[in-house]
Protein backbone atom coordinates (compact mmCIF):
# COMPACT_ATOMS: atom_id res chain seq x y z
CA MET A 1 0.00 0.00 0.00
CA GLY A 2 1.76 3.11 -1.24
CA THR A 3 0.97 6.75 -1.82
CA LEU A 4 -0.21 8.28 -5.09
CA GLY A 5 2.62 8.68 -7.60
CA GLN A 6 5.15 6.74 -5.53
CA ASP A 7 6.87 3.65 -6.93
CA MET A 8 7.03 0.63 -4.63
CA LYS A 9 9.91 -1.82 -4.61
CA TYR A 10 9.12 -5.51 -4.49
CA THR A 11 10.12 -6.99 -1.15
CA GLU A 12 9.42 -10.33 0.47
CA GLU A 13 8.32 -8.47 3.60
CA ARG A 14 5.45 -6.88 1.67
CA MET A 15 4.41 -10.26 0.31
CA VAL A 16 4.47 -11.81 3.78
CA ALA A 17 2.41 -8.93 5.18
CA ALA A 18 -0.17 -9.33 2.40
CA ARG A 19 -0.31 -13.10 2.97
CA ASN A 20 -0.80 -12.58 6.69
CA PHE A 21 -3.65 -10.16 6.06
CA ALA A 22 -5.36 -12.58 3.67
CA ASN A 23 -4.98 -15.31 6.27
CA LYS A 24 -6.41 -13.06 9.00
CA LEU A 25 -9.38 -12.20 6.79
CA TRP A 26 -9.95 -15.87 5.95
CA ASN A 27 -9.88 -16.92 9.61
CA THR A 28 -12.16 -14.07 10.67
CA THR A 29 -14.69 -15.05 8.01
CA ARG A 30 -14.44 -18.70 9.01
CA TYR A 31 -15.23 -17.76 12.62
CA VAL A 32 -18.26 -15.72 11.53
CA LEU A 33 -19.50 -18.53 9.27
CA MET A 34 -19.17 -21.04 12.11
CA GLN A 35 -21.33 -18.84 14.34
CA LEU A 36 -23.90 -18.38 11.56
CA GLU A 37 -24.13 -22.05 10.62
CA GLY A 38 -27.73 -22.96 9.78
CA ARG A 39 -28.92 -19.35 10.22
CA ARG A 40 -29.96 -16.38 8.12
CA VAL A 41 -29.77 -13.06 9.93
CA LYS A 42 -31.23 -9.64 9.27
CA ARG A 43 -28.96 -6.63 9.29
CA PRO A 44 -29.01 -4.44 12.42
CA HIS A 45 -31.51 -1.58 12.17
CA ALA A 46 -30.78 1.92 13.40
CA ALA A 47 -34.17 2.02 15.12
CA ASP A 48 -32.87 -0.70 17.46
CA ARG A 49 -29.76 1.26 18.43
CA ASP A 50 -30.74 1.45 22.11
CA THR A 51 -30.90 -2.35 22.37
CA LEU A 52 -27.33 -2.80 21.12
CA ALA A 53 -24.27 -3.17 23.32
CA LEU A 54 -21.57 -0.51 23.44
CA GLU A 55 -19.18 -2.49 21.23
CA ASP A 56 -21.96 -3.02 18.65
CA ARG A 57 -22.66 0.70 18.38
CA TRP A 58 -18.93 1.44 18.30
CA LEU A 59 -18.18 -0.96 15.44
CA LEU A 60 -21.15 0.17 13.35
CA SER A 61 -20.13 3.79 13.87
CA ARG A 62 -16.53 3.05 12.91
CA LEU A 63 -17.70 1.18 9.80
CA GLU A 64 -19.83 4.09 8.67
CA GLY A 65 -16.94 6.49 9.16
CA LEU A 66 -14.71 4.17 7.14
CA GLU A 67 -17.22 4.04 4.29
CA GLY A 68 -17.27 7.83 4.05
CA ASP A 69 -13.47 8.02 4.16
CA VAL A 70 -13.00 5.32 1.51
CA ASP A 71 -15.51 6.98 -0.82
CA SER A 72 -13.66 10.31 -0.56
CA LEU A 73 -10.23 8.70 -0.96
CA LEU A 74 -11.18 6.70 -4.04
CA LYS A 75 -12.69 9.78 -5.67
CA ALA A 76 -9.32 11.48 -5.08
CA TYR A 77 -7.47 8.43 -6.50
CA GLN A 78 -5.85 7.80 -3.10
CA VAL A 79 -6.16 4.03 -3.49
CA GLY A 80 -3.21 3.21 -1.25
CA GLU A 81 -4.58 5.19 1.68
CA ALA A 82 -8.05 3.71 1.15
CA ALA A 83 -6.53 0.22 1.22
CA ARG A 84 -4.59 1.00 4.40
CA ARG A 85 -7.71 2.18 6.24
CA ILE A 86 -9.75 -0.85 5.18
CA HIS A 87 -6.88 -3.12 6.24
CA ASP A 88 -6.59 -1.46 9.66
CA PHE A 89 -10.34 -1.61 10.28
CA LEU A 90 -10.70 -5.28 9.36
CA TRP A 91 -7.57 -6.40 11.19
CA ASN A 92 -7.69 -4.24 14.31
CA GLU A 93 -11.24 -3.18 15.02
CA LEU A 94 -13.20 -6.11 13.61
CA ALA A 95 -10.87 -9.08 14.12
CA ASP A 96 -8.73 -8.11 17.12
CA TRP A 97 -11.36 -6.32 19.19
CA TYR A 98 -14.95 -6.99 18.18
CA VAL A 99 -14.59 -10.68 17.30
CA GLU A 100 -12.84 -11.38 20.60
CA MET A 101 -15.45 -9.46 22.58
CA SER A 102 -18.28 -11.21 20.74
CA LYS A 103 -17.06 -14.61 21.93
CA VAL A 104 -18.01 -13.78 25.51
CA ARG A 105 -21.55 -12.73 24.63
CA LEU A 106 -22.19 -15.60 22.23
CA ARG A 107 -20.99 -18.07 24.83
CA GLU A 108 -23.52 -16.58 27.27
CA GLY A 109 -26.38 -16.95 24.76
CA ASP A 110 -26.54 -13.33 23.54
CA GLU A 111 -27.06 -13.64 19.77
CA ARG A 112 -27.10 -9.92 18.98
CA PRO A 113 -23.47 -9.94 17.80
CA LEU A 114 -24.38 -12.29 14.93
CA ALA A 115 -26.20 -9.62 12.93
CA VAL A 116 -23.42 -7.11 13.57
CA LEU A 117 -20.70 -9.59 12.57
CA ALA A 118 -22.49 -10.53 9.35
CA HIS A 119 -23.31 -6.94 8.40
CA VAL A 120 -19.86 -5.50 9.12
CA LEU A 121 -18.02 -8.36 7.42
CA ASP A 122 -20.32 -8.03 4.39
CA HIS A 123 -19.55 -4.32 4.08
CA GLY A 124 -15.86 -4.88 4.78
CA LEU A 125 -15.56 -7.43 1.97
CA ARG A 126 -17.41 -5.10 -0.40
CA LEU A 127 -15.03 -2.23 0.43
CA LEU A 128 -11.99 -4.44 -0.02
CA HIS A 129 -13.15 -6.13 -3.23
CA PRO A 130 -11.66 -3.63 -5.73
CA ILE A 131 -8.27 -4.12 -4.03
CA MET A 132 -8.36 -7.88 -3.25
CA PRO A 133 -10.94 -9.25 -5.70
CA PHE A 134 -10.35 -13.00 -5.59
CA VAL A 135 -10.20 -13.70 -1.86
CA THR A 136 -13.12 -11.38 -1.14
CA GLU A 137 -15.26 -12.95 -3.88
CA GLU A 138 -14.71 -16.41 -2.42
CA LEU A 139 -15.45 -15.35 1.15
CA TRP A 140 -18.47 -13.21 0.27
CA GLY A 141 -19.98 -16.07 -1.73
CA LYS A 142 -20.10 -18.11 1.47
CA LEU A 143 -21.29 -15.24 3.67
CA ARG A 144 -24.18 -14.19 1.40
CA GLU A 145 -26.02 -17.44 2.18
CA HIS A 146 -26.48 -16.25 5.77
CA LEU A 147 -27.79 -12.73 5.08
CA ASP A 148 -31.55 -12.32 4.87
CA ASP A 149 -31.26 -9.94 1.93
CA ASP A 150 -31.91 -9.85 -1.80
CA LEU A 151 -28.24 -10.01 -2.75
CA ALA A 152 -26.40 -9.98 -6.06
CA PRO A 153 -25.20 -13.34 -7.44
CA ALA A 154 -21.56 -12.26 -7.14
CA LEU A 155 -19.60 -9.61 -5.29
CA ILE A 156 -18.20 -8.11 -8.49
CA VAL A 157 -21.71 -6.95 -9.47
CA ALA A 158 -22.89 -6.08 -5.95
CA TRP A 159 -23.46 -2.53 -4.73
CA PHE A 160 -20.57 -0.66 -3.14
CA PRO A 161 -21.07 0.66 0.42
CA LYS A 162 -21.70 4.35 0.96
CA SER A 163 -22.06 6.05 4.32
CA ALA A 164 -25.75 6.58 5.13
CA GLY A 165 -25.09 8.65 8.25
CA VAL A 166 -27.41 6.62 10.50
CA TRP A 167 -24.87 4.82 12.70
CA ARG A 168 -22.40 7.56 13.60
CA ASP A 169 -22.02 7.57 17.38
CA PRO A 170 -19.15 9.74 18.68
CA ALA A 171 -20.03 8.92 22.30
CA ALA A 172 -19.73 5.17 21.67
CA GLU A 173 -16.43 5.71 19.87
CA ARG A 174 -15.03 7.71 22.79
CA ALA A 175 -16.21 5.16 25.33
CA MET A 176 -14.81 2.18 23.44
CA GLY A 177 -11.60 4.07 22.78
CA HIS A 178 -11.20 4.33 26.55
CA VAL A 179 -11.98 0.62 27.03
CA ILE A 180 -9.37 -0.31 24.42
CA GLU A 181 -6.75 1.92 26.06
CA VAL A 182 -7.43 0.29 29.43
CA ASN A 183 -7.08 -3.20 27.97
CA ARG A 184 -3.83 -2.28 26.25
CA ALA A 185 -2.49 -0.89 29.52
CA ILE A 186 -3.43 -4.13 31.31
CA ARG A 187 -1.68 -6.24 28.68
CA ASN A 188 1.43 -4.07 28.80
CA LEU A 189 1.50 -4.40 32.58
CA ARG A 190 1.17 -8.19 32.33
CA ALA A 191 4.15 -8.25 29.97
CA GLU A 192 6.23 -5.94 32.19
CA LYS A 193 5.57 -8.12 35.24
CA GLY A 194 6.24 -11.33 33.33
CA LEU A 195 2.93 -12.92 34.34
CA GLU A 196 2.27 -16.43 33.08
CA ALA A 197 -0.51 -16.87 30.54
CA GLY A 198 -2.71 -18.68 33.06
CA ALA A 199 -2.39 -16.02 35.76
CA ARG A 200 -5.58 -14.02 36.34
CA PRO A 201 -4.77 -11.18 38.73
CA ALA A 202 -7.39 -8.84 40.14
CA VAL A 203 -7.37 -5.44 38.42
CA TYR A 204 -8.99 -2.43 40.05
CA LEU A 205 -10.18 0.14 37.54
CA ARG A 206 -10.68 3.49 39.21
CA ALA A 207 -13.16 5.05 36.84
CA SER A 208 -14.77 8.45 36.58
CA GLY A 209 -16.30 9.51 33.26
CA GLN A 210 -16.25 6.08 31.61
CA ALA A 211 -17.30 3.90 34.56
CA ALA A 212 -20.41 2.69 32.72
CA ALA A 213 -18.40 1.64 29.66
CA LEU A 214 -15.83 -0.22 31.76
CA GLY A 215 -18.58 -1.95 33.70
CA GLU A 216 -20.50 -2.98 30.58
CA THR A 217 -17.38 -4.47 28.99
CA ALA A 218 -15.92 -6.01 32.17
CA ALA A 219 -16.67 -9.58 31.06
CA ALA A 220 -14.89 -8.97 27.75
CA THR A 221 -11.92 -7.43 29.58
CA ALA A 222 -11.73 -10.49 31.82
CA PHE A 223 -11.70 -12.79 28.78
CA THR A 224 -9.43 -10.88 26.40
CA SER A 225 -6.91 -9.56 28.94
CA ARG A 226 -7.07 -12.56 31.34
CA VAL A 227 -7.75 -10.60 34.52
CA GLU A 228 -10.48 -10.22 37.12
CA PRO A 229 -11.54 -6.58 36.67
CA GLN A 230 -13.19 -4.61 39.46
CA VAL A 231 -14.60 -1.22 38.47
CA THR A 232 -14.53 1.23 41.37
CA ALA A 233 -15.11 4.94 41.89
CA ALA A 234 -12.18 7.23 41.17
CA ASP A 235 -11.72 8.01 44.87
CA ALA A 236 -12.42 4.51 46.20
CA GLY A 237 -9.94 2.85 48.52
CA LEU A 238 -8.28 -0.44 47.63
CA PRO A 239 -8.05 -3.58 49.76
CA ASP A 240 -4.76 -4.42 51.43
CA GLY A 241 -2.28 -6.22 49.23
CA GLU A 242 0.48 -5.79 46.67
CA TYR A 243 -0.14 -3.53 43.69
CA ALA A 244 1.79 -2.93 40.49
């Protein structure tokens, strides 16, 4: 992925990075298809926004922002930058964060993530198709069977996503941004302290403005960062013990 007018040298590192991304996309789609087995789901509807979890609203908002950015970048012939943003969204926000958080809810019987997973992956594959046509065509052909929509017979003739402006949610993006920062800090601290993978220390999160977000996502934090989170008030005391 280069900038407009810039030549790119062939390197094995670029090929390995592209292979790794294709593999990540394949595995993410395989996970979604496994969860959707035997089902057809309807896309999430903006009228149901209040029934969705924080991470659902965050991902849908981020997707809509991406669609607007990609549309503007492609019109300006900034294909490399458009590709980079699609790559980062699919790898980081969908695969690394939302998919991992969805595992907790699906395991507990909450099926709301299924519609979000299917919808966001569908739009992500559509956005990526002009850049990676063959892999996306193969994956979308399997995903389309699980969407309760009147879909095109092939991705190459399907409509291209455009931002409709119905899912933008700056508050959800700020809240989830804070949750992600907290989880990264926990993981960095685990690495600094050399904790074993099976160790699950108690973590006290002194929260102020984002206490609700940290509380709502506490189960996901426990699963993805392998800790036992306790959300407390910013001025709350801590029990006796050793703290990092």
